[in-house]
Amino acid sequence: MKNEGFDPQEIAQLKAECQQEGQNYVIVEDEDGMNDSGEFAHFQFVGRYNGQEVIYDAVMGTLRLNHSSLVFEEAEVRMKKSYPNYVEVEKRKPNYKANEDMELMLEEIIEELEEEEVIQVAEFVEIDEDFEYGIGLDIALNVEEIDDKVITKFVHEFNAGTLKLDPTLYSFTSEEE
């Protein structure tokens, strides 16, 4: 099966869209509305891979978002060990009735993981060569918000080969609502 993200016509079309937008990337509208959070963006841009032009399909999130996802995953793993009948959020059916005691337990585990800084994260860029459209990128940066400035700078530095990631390990705590 041919990867359309390497097709010169697809690349030319994306370049035209970028030019029309006056940016070095275009936002991909996601159905789940994650782009609206300020902590996440899905975008595409043209770059080079192994000497040839390609479309990069990228998802970028804040390091805080990456951290909270990993903390939540670990909390669910611990819940499942302690309470085998706990149903993970991803596996819940639409009519699922939450057990308040278990939800409180989950919150306590999350707080404990954060306080003890069990999960630590550093900036990263993961490249997926076997992506269905072009080359996939999964990116986490230590910024407060994913905005035009952050994405533009990333695309510019990534394509110029000057991107420097911060190797420092960070841990975050949930912001109280």
N, C-alpha and C. Protein backbone atom coordinates (compact mmCIF):
# COMPACT_ATOMS: atom_id res chain seq x y z
N MET A 1 0.83 -1.19 0.00
CA MET A 1 0.00 0.00 0.00
C MET A 1 0.88 1.25 0.00
N LYS A 2 0.53 2.20 -0.86
CA LYS A 2 1.32 3.41 -1.02
C LYS A 2 0.99 4.43 0.07
N ASN A 3 2.02 5.05 0.63
CA ASN A 3 1.83 6.09 1.64
C ASN A 3 1.64 7.43 0.93
N GLU A 4 0.41 7.95 0.98
CA GLU A 4 0.06 9.19 0.27
C GLU A 4 0.84 10.41 0.79
N GLY A 5 1.38 10.31 2.00
CA GLY A 5 2.14 11.41 2.58
C GLY A 5 3.48 11.66 1.89
N PHE A 6 3.86 10.75 0.96
CA PHE A 6 5.08 10.93 0.17
C PHE A 6 4.75 11.37 -1.25
N ASP A 7 3.47 11.44 -1.59
CA ASP A 7 3.01 11.78 -2.94
C ASP A 7 3.25 13.26 -3.22
N PRO A 8 4.01 13.58 -4.30
CA PRO A 8 4.32 14.98 -4.63
C PRO A 8 3.07 15.86 -4.78
N GLN A 9 1.97 15.30 -5.27
CA GLN A 9 0.74 16.09 -5.41
C GLN A 9 0.16 16.46 -4.04
N GLU A 10 0.16 15.49 -3.13
CA GLU A 10 -0.32 15.74 -1.76
C GLU A 10 0.56 16.80 -1.09
N ILE A 11 1.87 16.67 -1.29
CA ILE A 11 2.83 17.61 -0.70
C ILE A 11 2.61 19.01 -1.26
N ALA A 12 2.42 19.10 -2.58
CA ALA A 12 2.18 20.41 -3.22
C ALA A 12 0.89 21.03 -2.69
N GLN A 13 -0.12 20.20 -2.49
CA GLN A 13 -1.40 20.69 -1.96
C GLN A 13 -1.23 21.24 -0.54
N LEU A 14 -0.48 20.52 0.31
CA LEU A 14 -0.25 20.98 1.68
C LEU A 14 0.57 22.27 1.69
N LYS A 15 1.58 22.34 0.81
CA LYS A 15 2.38 23.58 0.71
C LYS A 15 1.49 24.76 0.36
N ALA A 16 0.56 24.54 -0.58
CA ALA A 16 -0.37 25.60 -0.99
C ALA A 16 -1.26 26.03 0.17
N GLU A 17 -1.75 25.04 0.93
CA GLU A 17 -2.59 25.35 2.10
C GLU A 17 -1.80 26.15 3.13
N CYS A 18 -0.55 25.76 3.37
CA CYS A 18 0.31 26.48 4.32
C CYS A 18 0.50 27.92 3.86
N GLN A 19 0.78 28.08 2.57
CA GLN A 19 0.99 29.42 2.01
C GLN A 19 -0.27 30.27 2.17
N GLN A 20 -1.41 29.66 1.90
CA GLN A 20 -2.70 30.34 2.02
C GLN A 20 -2.94 30.79 3.47
N GLU A 21 -2.54 29.94 4.43
CA GLU A 21 -2.70 30.26 5.85
C GLU A 21 -1.62 31.22 6.35
N GLY A 22 -0.55 31.37 5.56
CA GLY A 22 0.56 32.23 5.97
C GLY A 22 1.37 31.62 7.11
N GLN A 23 1.40 30.28 7.15
CA GLN A 23 2.12 29.58 8.22
C GLN A 23 2.90 28.42 7.61
N ASN A 24 3.80 27.84 8.44
CA ASN A 24 4.59 26.71 7.95
C ASN A 24 3.93 25.37 8.30
N TYR A 25 2.65 25.40 8.69
CA TYR A 25 1.90 24.19 9.03
C TYR A 25 0.41 24.48 8.85
N VAL A 26 -0.40 23.41 8.87
CA VAL A 26 -1.86 23.58 8.92
C VAL A 26 -2.40 22.72 10.06
N ILE A 27 -3.39 23.25 10.75
CA ILE A 27 -4.04 22.52 11.84
C ILE A 27 -4.98 21.47 11.25
N VAL A 28 -4.97 20.28 11.83
CA VAL A 28 -5.91 19.23 11.45
C VAL A 28 -7.02 19.28 12.49
N GLU A 29 -8.23 19.52 12.02
CA GLU A 29 -9.36 19.60 12.96
C GLU A 29 -9.71 18.21 13.45
N ASP A 30 -9.63 18.02 14.75
CA ASP A 30 -9.97 16.73 15.36
C ASP A 30 -11.41 16.74 15.85
N GLU A 31 -12.06 15.60 15.72
CA GLU A 31 -13.46 15.47 16.13
C GLU A 31 -13.64 15.64 17.63
N ASP A 32 -12.63 15.24 18.41
CA ASP A 32 -12.79 15.24 19.87
C ASP A 32 -12.58 16.60 20.52
N GLY A 33 -12.24 17.62 19.73
CA GLY A 33 -12.09 18.97 20.28
C GLY A 33 -10.84 19.18 21.11
N MET A 34 -9.90 18.25 21.08
CA MET A 34 -8.67 18.39 21.88
C MET A 34 -7.86 19.62 21.48
N ASN A 35 -7.92 20.01 20.20
CA ASN A 35 -7.18 21.19 19.75
C ASN A 35 -7.57 22.45 20.52
N ASP A 36 -8.81 22.47 21.02
CA ASP A 36 -9.31 23.67 21.69
C ASP A 36 -8.80 23.83 23.11
N SER A 37 -8.15 22.83 23.65
CA SER A 37 -7.74 22.87 25.06
C SER A 37 -6.55 23.78 25.32
N GLY A 38 -5.75 24.07 24.29
CA GLY A 38 -4.53 24.84 24.49
C GLY A 38 -3.37 23.97 24.94
N GLU A 39 -3.67 22.72 25.29
CA GLU A 39 -2.62 21.81 25.74
C GLU A 39 -2.23 20.81 24.66
N PHE A 40 -2.88 20.88 23.50
CA PHE A 40 -2.71 19.86 22.49
C PHE A 40 -2.99 20.46 21.11
N ALA A 41 -2.26 19.98 20.10
CA ALA A 41 -2.55 20.39 18.72
C ALA A 41 -2.21 19.24 17.78
N HIS A 42 -3.01 19.10 16.73
CA HIS A 42 -2.76 18.13 15.67
C HIS A 42 -2.54 18.95 14.41
N PHE A 43 -1.37 18.80 13.80
CA PHE A 43 -1.05 19.61 12.63
C PHE A 43 -0.19 18.84 11.65
N GLN A 44 -0.13 19.36 10.42
CA GLN A 44 0.71 18.76 9.37
C GLN A 44 1.62 19.83 8.79
N PHE A 45 2.80 19.39 8.38
CA PHE A 45 3.74 20.28 7.71
C PHE A 45 4.61 19.47 6.76
N VAL A 46 5.24 20.17 5.84
CA VAL A 46 6.13 19.52 4.87
C VAL A 46 7.56 19.63 5.37
N GLY A 47 8.27 18.51 5.30
CA GLY A 47 9.67 18.49 5.69
C GLY A 47 10.40 17.47 4.84
N ARG A 48 11.61 17.15 5.26
CA ARG A 48 12.39 16.16 4.53
C ARG A 48 12.63 14.95 5.43
N TYR A 49 12.60 13.77 4.81
CA TYR A 49 12.88 12.54 5.53
C TYR A 49 13.71 11.66 4.62
N ASN A 50 14.88 11.26 5.08
CA ASN A 50 15.81 10.47 4.26
C ASN A 50 16.01 11.11 2.88
N GLY A 51 16.15 12.42 2.87
CA GLY A 51 16.46 13.14 1.64
C GLY A 51 15.29 13.43 0.73
N GLN A 52 14.09 12.98 1.07
CA GLN A 52 12.96 13.29 0.20
C GLN A 52 11.87 14.04 0.96
N GLU A 53 11.10 14.84 0.21
CA GLU A 53 10.02 15.60 0.83
C GLU A 53 8.92 14.67 1.31
N VAL A 54 8.34 15.03 2.44
CA VAL A 54 7.29 14.21 3.04
C VAL A 54 6.37 15.11 3.86
N ILE A 55 5.16 14.63 4.07
CA ILE A 55 4.24 15.31 4.97
C ILE A 55 4.41 14.69 6.36
N TYR A 56 4.66 15.54 7.34
CA TYR A 56 4.70 15.10 8.73
C TYR A 56 3.33 15.34 9.33
N ASP A 57 2.77 14.30 9.93
CA ASP A 57 1.48 14.39 10.62
C ASP A 57 1.82 14.36 12.11
N ALA A 58 1.65 15.50 12.77
CA ALA A 58 2.15 15.64 14.13
C ALA A 58 1.07 15.91 15.16
N VAL A 59 1.23 15.29 16.32
CA VAL A 59 0.43 15.65 17.48
C VAL A 59 1.40 16.17 18.53
N MET A 60 1.07 17.35 19.07
CA MET A 60 1.93 18.00 20.05
C MET A 60 1.12 18.29 21.30
N GLY A 61 1.69 17.93 22.43
CA GLY A 61 1.03 18.22 23.70
C GLY A 61 2.01 18.86 24.66
N THR A 62 1.45 19.47 25.70
CA THR A 62 2.31 20.02 26.73
C THR A 62 2.87 18.86 27.56
N LEU A 63 4.00 19.10 28.19
CA LEU A 63 4.59 18.09 29.05
C LEU A 63 3.65 17.80 30.23
N ARG A 64 2.95 18.84 30.69
CA ARG A 64 1.98 18.66 31.79
C ARG A 64 0.88 17.68 31.37
N LEU A 65 0.38 17.81 30.14
CA LEU A 65 -0.67 16.91 29.64
C LEU A 65 -0.13 15.48 29.55
N ASN A 66 1.10 15.34 29.03
CA ASN A 66 1.74 14.02 28.94
C ASN A 66 1.88 13.41 30.33
N HIS A 67 2.33 14.20 31.28
CA HIS A 67 2.50 13.73 32.66
C HIS A 67 1.17 13.28 33.25
N SER A 68 0.13 14.10 33.11
CA SER A 68 -1.16 13.74 33.72
C SER A 68 -1.74 12.48 33.08
N SER A 69 -1.51 12.28 31.78
CA SER A 69 -1.97 11.05 31.11
C SER A 69 -1.27 9.82 31.70
N LEU A 70 0.05 9.93 31.88
CA LEU A 70 0.82 8.81 32.42
C LEU A 70 0.45 8.53 33.88
N VAL A 71 0.22 9.60 34.66
CA VAL A 71 -0.19 9.43 36.06
C VAL A 71 -1.54 8.71 36.10
N PHE A 72 -2.47 9.14 35.25
CA PHE A 72 -3.80 8.52 35.22
C PHE A 72 -3.71 7.05 34.84
N GLU A 73 -2.89 6.73 33.82
CA GLU A 73 -2.71 5.33 33.40
C GLU A 73 -2.18 4.49 34.56
N GLU A 74 -1.17 5.00 35.26
CA GLU A 74 -0.58 4.27 36.38
C GLU A 74 -1.59 4.11 37.51
N ALA A 75 -2.38 5.15 37.77
CA ALA A 75 -3.41 5.07 38.81
C ALA A 75 -4.43 3.99 38.48
N GLU A 76 -4.81 3.90 37.21
CA GLU A 76 -5.77 2.87 36.80
C GLU A 76 -5.18 1.47 36.95
N VAL A 77 -3.90 1.32 36.63
CA VAL A 77 -3.23 0.03 36.79
C VAL A 77 -3.27 -0.38 38.27
N ARG A 78 -2.97 0.57 39.15
CA ARG A 78 -2.98 0.27 40.59
C ARG A 78 -4.39 -0.02 41.10
N MET A 79 -5.38 0.69 40.56
CA MET A 79 -6.78 0.45 40.94
C MET A 79 -7.18 -0.98 40.56
N LYS A 80 -6.82 -1.38 39.35
CA LYS A 80 -7.19 -2.70 38.83
C LYS A 80 -6.56 -3.80 39.70
N LYS A 81 -5.31 -3.56 40.17
CA LYS A 81 -4.65 -4.54 41.03
C LYS A 81 -5.38 -4.67 42.37
N SER A 82 -5.74 -3.53 42.96
CA SER A 82 -6.39 -3.54 44.27
C SER A 82 -7.87 -3.89 44.20
N TYR A 83 -8.50 -3.48 43.12
CA TYR A 83 -9.95 -3.70 42.94
C TYR A 83 -10.20 -4.30 41.56
N PRO A 84 -10.12 -5.63 41.46
CA PRO A 84 -10.25 -6.29 40.15
C PRO A 84 -11.54 -5.95 39.39
N ASN A 85 -12.60 -5.55 40.10
CA ASN A 85 -13.84 -5.22 39.39
C ASN A 85 -13.91 -3.75 38.96
N TYR A 86 -12.82 -3.00 39.15
CA TYR A 86 -12.76 -1.62 38.67
C TYR A 86 -12.76 -1.63 37.13
N VAL A 87 -13.57 -0.77 36.53
CA VAL A 87 -13.63 -0.69 35.06
C VAL A 87 -12.90 0.58 34.61
N GLU A 88 -11.86 0.40 33.80
CA GLU A 88 -11.08 1.53 33.30
C GLU A 88 -11.96 2.45 32.46
N VAL A 89 -11.65 3.73 32.49
CA VAL A 89 -12.43 4.74 31.78
C VAL A 89 -12.60 4.38 30.30
N GLU A 90 -11.52 3.94 29.66
CA GLU A 90 -11.56 3.60 28.23
C GLU A 90 -12.51 2.43 27.92
N LYS A 91 -12.73 1.57 28.91
CA LYS A 91 -13.55 0.36 28.68
C LYS A 91 -15.00 0.52 29.14
N ARG A 92 -15.33 1.70 29.66
CA ARG A 92 -16.69 1.90 30.17
C ARG A 92 -17.69 2.07 29.04
N LYS A 93 -18.85 1.45 29.23
CA LYS A 93 -19.93 1.59 28.26
C LYS A 93 -20.68 2.89 28.55
N PRO A 94 -21.42 3.43 27.55
CA PRO A 94 -22.12 4.71 27.74
C PRO A 94 -23.05 4.74 28.96
N ASN A 95 -23.62 3.60 29.31
CA ASN A 95 -24.56 3.57 30.43
C ASN A 95 -23.89 3.21 31.76
N TYR A 96 -22.55 3.27 31.80
CA TYR A 96 -21.79 2.90 33.00
C TYR A 96 -22.15 3.80 34.17
N LYS A 97 -22.41 3.18 35.32
CA LYS A 97 -22.70 3.93 36.55
C LYS A 97 -21.45 3.90 37.42
N ALA A 98 -20.85 5.07 37.63
CA ALA A 98 -19.60 5.15 38.39
C ALA A 98 -19.84 4.82 39.87
N ASN A 99 -18.89 4.12 40.46
CA ASN A 99 -18.91 3.82 41.88
C ASN A 99 -18.15 4.95 42.58
N GLU A 100 -18.85 5.75 43.39
CA GLU A 100 -18.24 6.93 44.01
C GLU A 100 -17.01 6.58 44.85
N ASP A 101 -17.09 5.49 45.62
CA ASP A 101 -15.96 5.10 46.46
C ASP A 101 -14.72 4.80 45.62
N MET A 102 -14.93 4.10 44.51
CA MET A 102 -13.80 3.77 43.63
C MET A 102 -13.23 5.03 42.97
N GLU A 103 -14.10 5.94 42.57
CA GLU A 103 -13.63 7.19 41.95
C GLU A 103 -12.81 8.00 42.95
N LEU A 104 -13.23 8.02 44.22
CA LEU A 104 -12.47 8.71 45.27
C LEU A 104 -11.12 8.04 45.49
N MET A 105 -11.12 6.70 45.47
CA MET A 105 -9.87 5.94 45.61
C MET A 105 -8.91 6.30 44.47
N LEU A 106 -9.46 6.35 43.26
CA LEU A 106 -8.65 6.70 42.08
C LEU A 106 -8.04 8.09 42.27
N GLU A 107 -8.84 9.05 42.72
CA GLU A 107 -8.33 10.41 42.96
C GLU A 107 -7.22 10.41 44.00
N GLU A 108 -7.39 9.61 45.05
CA GLU A 108 -6.35 9.52 46.09
C GLU A 108 -5.06 8.94 45.53
N ILE A 109 -5.17 7.92 44.70
CA ILE A 109 -3.98 7.31 44.09
C ILE A 109 -3.28 8.34 43.20
N ILE A 110 -4.06 9.09 42.43
CA ILE A 110 -3.48 10.13 41.56
C ILE A 110 -2.72 11.15 42.40
N GLU A 111 -3.35 11.63 43.48
CA GLU A 111 -2.69 12.61 44.37
C GLU A 111 -1.40 12.04 44.94
N GLU A 112 -1.45 10.78 45.36
CA GLU A 112 -0.27 10.11 45.93
C GLU A 112 0.86 10.03 44.90
N LEU A 113 0.52 9.61 43.68
CA LEU A 113 1.52 9.51 42.61
C LEU A 113 2.16 10.87 42.34
N GLU A 114 1.33 11.93 42.35
CA GLU A 114 1.85 13.27 42.10
C GLU A 114 2.73 13.75 43.25
N GLU A 115 2.27 13.56 44.48
CA GLU A 115 3.04 14.00 45.65
C GLU A 115 4.39 13.30 45.73
N GLU A 116 4.40 12.02 45.43
CA GLU A 116 5.64 11.24 45.51
C GLU A 116 6.49 11.38 44.25
N GLU A 117 5.99 12.13 43.26
CA GLU A 117 6.69 12.34 41.99
C GLU A 117 7.16 11.02 41.38
N VAL A 118 6.27 10.02 41.42
CA VAL A 118 6.56 8.69 40.89
C VAL A 118 6.79 8.75 39.37
N ILE A 119 5.96 9.54 38.70
CA ILE A 119 6.06 9.68 37.25
C ILE A 119 6.81 10.96 36.92
N GLN A 120 7.87 10.83 36.13
CA GLN A 120 8.62 12.01 35.68
C GLN A 120 8.73 11.94 34.16
N VAL A 121 8.65 13.11 33.53
CA VAL A 121 8.66 13.16 32.07
C VAL A 121 9.66 14.21 31.57
N ALA A 122 10.17 13.98 30.37
CA ALA A 122 11.06 14.93 29.71
C ALA A 122 10.50 15.19 28.31
N GLU A 123 10.92 16.31 27.73
CA GLU A 123 10.48 16.62 26.36
C GLU A 123 10.90 15.49 25.42
N PHE A 124 10.07 15.23 24.42
CA PHE A 124 10.42 14.19 23.45
C PHE A 124 9.77 14.46 22.09
N VAL A 125 10.37 13.84 21.07
CA VAL A 125 9.78 13.76 19.74
C VAL A 125 9.93 12.30 19.31
N GLU A 126 8.81 11.61 19.13
CA GLU A 126 8.84 10.22 18.65
C GLU A 126 8.44 10.22 17.19
N ILE A 127 9.24 9.53 16.38
CA ILE A 127 8.99 9.46 14.94
C ILE A 127 8.42 8.09 14.59
N ASP A 128 7.28 8.09 13.89
CA ASP A 128 6.62 6.85 13.48
C ASP A 128 6.73 6.73 11.95
N GLU A 129 7.68 5.90 11.52
CA GLU A 129 7.92 5.72 10.08
C GLU A 129 6.84 4.88 9.42
N ASP A 130 6.13 4.08 10.19
CA ASP A 130 5.09 3.21 9.63
C ASP A 130 3.71 3.85 9.73
N PHE A 131 3.67 5.15 9.65
CA PHE A 131 2.43 5.90 9.77
C PHE A 131 1.62 5.75 8.49
N GLU A 132 0.29 5.82 8.59
CA GLU A 132 -0.55 5.62 7.40
C GLU A 132 -0.49 6.79 6.42
N TYR A 133 -0.11 7.98 6.91
CA TYR A 133 -0.06 9.15 6.03
C TYR A 133 1.20 9.94 6.35
N GLY A 134 2.19 9.83 5.49
CA GLY A 134 3.46 10.52 5.73
C GLY A 134 4.22 9.89 6.88
N ILE A 135 4.86 10.75 7.66
CA ILE A 135 5.60 10.31 8.84
C ILE A 135 4.89 10.89 10.06
N GLY A 136 4.62 10.04 11.03
CA GLY A 136 3.94 10.50 12.24
C GLY A 136 4.93 11.05 13.26
N LEU A 137 4.54 12.09 13.95
CA LEU A 137 5.35 12.65 15.03
C LEU A 137 4.47 12.76 16.27
N ASP A 138 5.01 12.32 17.39
CA ASP A 138 4.36 12.50 18.69
C ASP A 138 5.32 13.37 19.49
N ILE A 139 4.85 14.53 19.93
CA ILE A 139 5.73 15.54 20.52
C ILE A 139 5.18 15.99 21.87
N ALA A 140 6.07 16.13 22.85
CA ALA A 140 5.70 16.75 24.13
C ALA A 140 6.75 17.80 24.46
N LEU A 141 6.30 19.02 24.69
CA LEU A 141 7.20 20.13 25.02
C LEU A 141 6.80 20.76 26.35
N ASN A 142 7.80 21.26 27.07
CA ASN A 142 7.55 21.89 28.36
C ASN A 142 7.17 23.36 28.15
N VAL A 143 5.95 23.56 27.71
CA VAL A 143 5.40 24.91 27.51
C VAL A 143 4.04 24.96 28.20
N GLU A 144 3.62 26.17 28.57
CA GLU A 144 2.32 26.33 29.23
C GLU A 144 1.17 26.03 28.27
N GLU A 145 1.37 26.43 27.00
CA GLU A 145 0.29 26.32 26.03
C GLU A 145 0.85 26.01 24.65
N ILE A 146 0.12 25.22 23.89
CA ILE A 146 0.49 24.94 22.50
C ILE A 146 -0.26 25.97 21.66
N ASP A 147 0.50 26.92 21.10
CA ASP A 147 -0.12 27.97 20.28
C ASP A 147 0.64 28.10 18.96
N ASP A 148 0.21 29.05 18.12
CA ASP A 148 0.84 29.25 16.80
C ASP A 148 2.34 29.46 16.92
N LYS A 149 2.75 30.25 17.90
CA LYS A 149 4.17 30.58 18.08
C LYS A 149 4.98 29.31 18.37
N VAL A 150 4.48 28.48 19.27
CA VAL A 150 5.18 27.24 19.66
C VAL A 150 5.27 26.29 18.46
N ILE A 151 4.17 26.13 17.73
CA ILE A 151 4.16 25.20 16.58
C ILE A 151 5.08 25.72 15.47
N THR A 152 4.98 27.02 15.16
CA THR A 152 5.82 27.61 14.11
C THR A 152 7.30 27.42 14.43
N LYS A 153 7.68 27.70 15.69
CA LYS A 153 9.08 27.56 16.13
C LYS A 153 9.51 26.10 16.01
N PHE A 154 8.65 25.17 16.46
CA PHE A 154 8.98 23.75 16.39
C PHE A 154 9.23 23.33 14.94
N VAL A 155 8.29 23.65 14.03
CA VAL A 155 8.41 23.25 12.62
C VAL A 155 9.70 23.82 12.03
N HIS A 156 9.96 25.10 12.31
CA HIS A 156 11.17 25.75 11.78
C HIS A 156 12.43 25.02 12.28
N GLU A 157 12.52 24.80 13.59
CA GLU A 157 13.71 24.16 14.17
C GLU A 157 13.82 22.69 13.76
N PHE A 158 12.69 21.99 13.68
CA PHE A 158 12.70 20.58 13.27
C PHE A 158 13.24 20.46 11.85
N ASN A 159 12.71 21.30 10.95
CA ASN A 159 13.14 21.25 9.55
C ASN A 159 14.57 21.74 9.35
N ALA A 160 15.04 22.63 10.22
CA ALA A 160 16.40 23.15 10.10
C ALA A 160 17.42 22.23 10.79
N GLY A 161 16.91 21.24 11.52
CA GLY A 161 17.81 20.34 12.24
C GLY A 161 18.41 20.98 13.48
N THR A 162 17.77 22.04 14.00
CA THR A 162 18.31 22.77 15.15
C THR A 162 17.47 22.57 16.42
N LEU A 163 16.51 21.67 16.37
CA LEU A 163 15.63 21.44 17.52
C LEU A 163 16.43 20.87 18.69
N LYS A 164 16.32 21.52 19.84
CA LYS A 164 16.99 21.04 21.05
C LYS A 164 15.92 20.76 22.10
N LEU A 165 15.87 19.52 22.55
CA LEU A 165 14.90 19.13 23.56
C LEU A 165 15.53 19.21 24.95
N ASP A 166 14.73 19.59 25.93
CA ASP A 166 15.19 19.68 27.31
C ASP A 166 15.16 18.28 27.92
N PRO A 167 16.33 17.73 28.33
CA PRO A 167 16.37 16.38 28.88
C PRO A 167 15.96 16.31 30.36
N THR A 168 15.71 17.46 30.98
CA THR A 168 15.35 17.51 32.40
C THR A 168 14.06 16.73 32.65
N LEU A 169 14.05 15.96 33.74
CA LEU A 169 12.84 15.23 34.13
C LEU A 169 11.96 16.13 34.98
N TYR A 170 10.68 16.19 34.64
CA TYR A 170 9.72 17.03 35.36
C TYR A 170 8.59 16.18 35.91
N SER A 171 8.01 16.70 36.99
CA SER A 171 6.82 16.11 37.58
C SER A 171 5.86 17.26 37.86
N PHE A 172 4.57 17.01 37.72
CA PHE A 172 3.57 18.06 37.89
C PHE A 172 2.51 17.61 38.88
N THR A 173 1.80 18.57 39.43
CA THR A 173 0.64 18.24 40.26
C THR A 173 -0.59 18.81 39.58
N SER A 174 -1.72 18.16 39.80
CA SER A 174 -2.98 18.63 39.21
C SER A 174 -3.31 20.00 39.77
N GLU A 175 -3.82 20.84 38.90
CA GLU A 175 -4.26 22.15 39.37
C GLU A 175 -5.67 21.98 39.89
N GLU A 176 -5.89 22.45 41.11
CA GLU A 176 -7.22 22.33 41.71
C GLU A 176 -8.21 23.17 40.94
N GLU A 177 -9.36 22.61 40.67
CA GLU A 177 -10.40 23.33 39.91
C GLU A 177 -11.10 24.30 40.83
